[in-house]
């Protein structure tokens, strides 16, 4: 293979493919078309730009709520703020670009979030 850059973030999931157990020690972050998330232990914080007018982050206990039906953000405000800050620091570190990448003309819809209507 090729050498892995020393500044590359992430962890290999090769042990899982080999049938070995793996326990994540650090948070995992992601962003896709303005949808953002942090997974830290049992907690998952998500921001979905899909809901018009809903700018709130949502917090889920993934040990108890794998289907993300019970938003606990209002009950754990300190945890939410901590995880938002973690996400912002990660986004700055890796160069996440604000969404949309190009301004959407007035009266136009952001079709990137509605691919079934293309």
Foldseek 3Di string as FASTA:
>chain_A
DDDDDPPDDDDDPVCVVVVHDDDDDAKDWDDDQHWIWIDDPQKIWIADPPDPPDGDIFIDRCVVCVPRPDGCCVVCVVVNVVVVVVRVVVCVVVVPDHPPPDDDDPPDDPCVVVVVVD
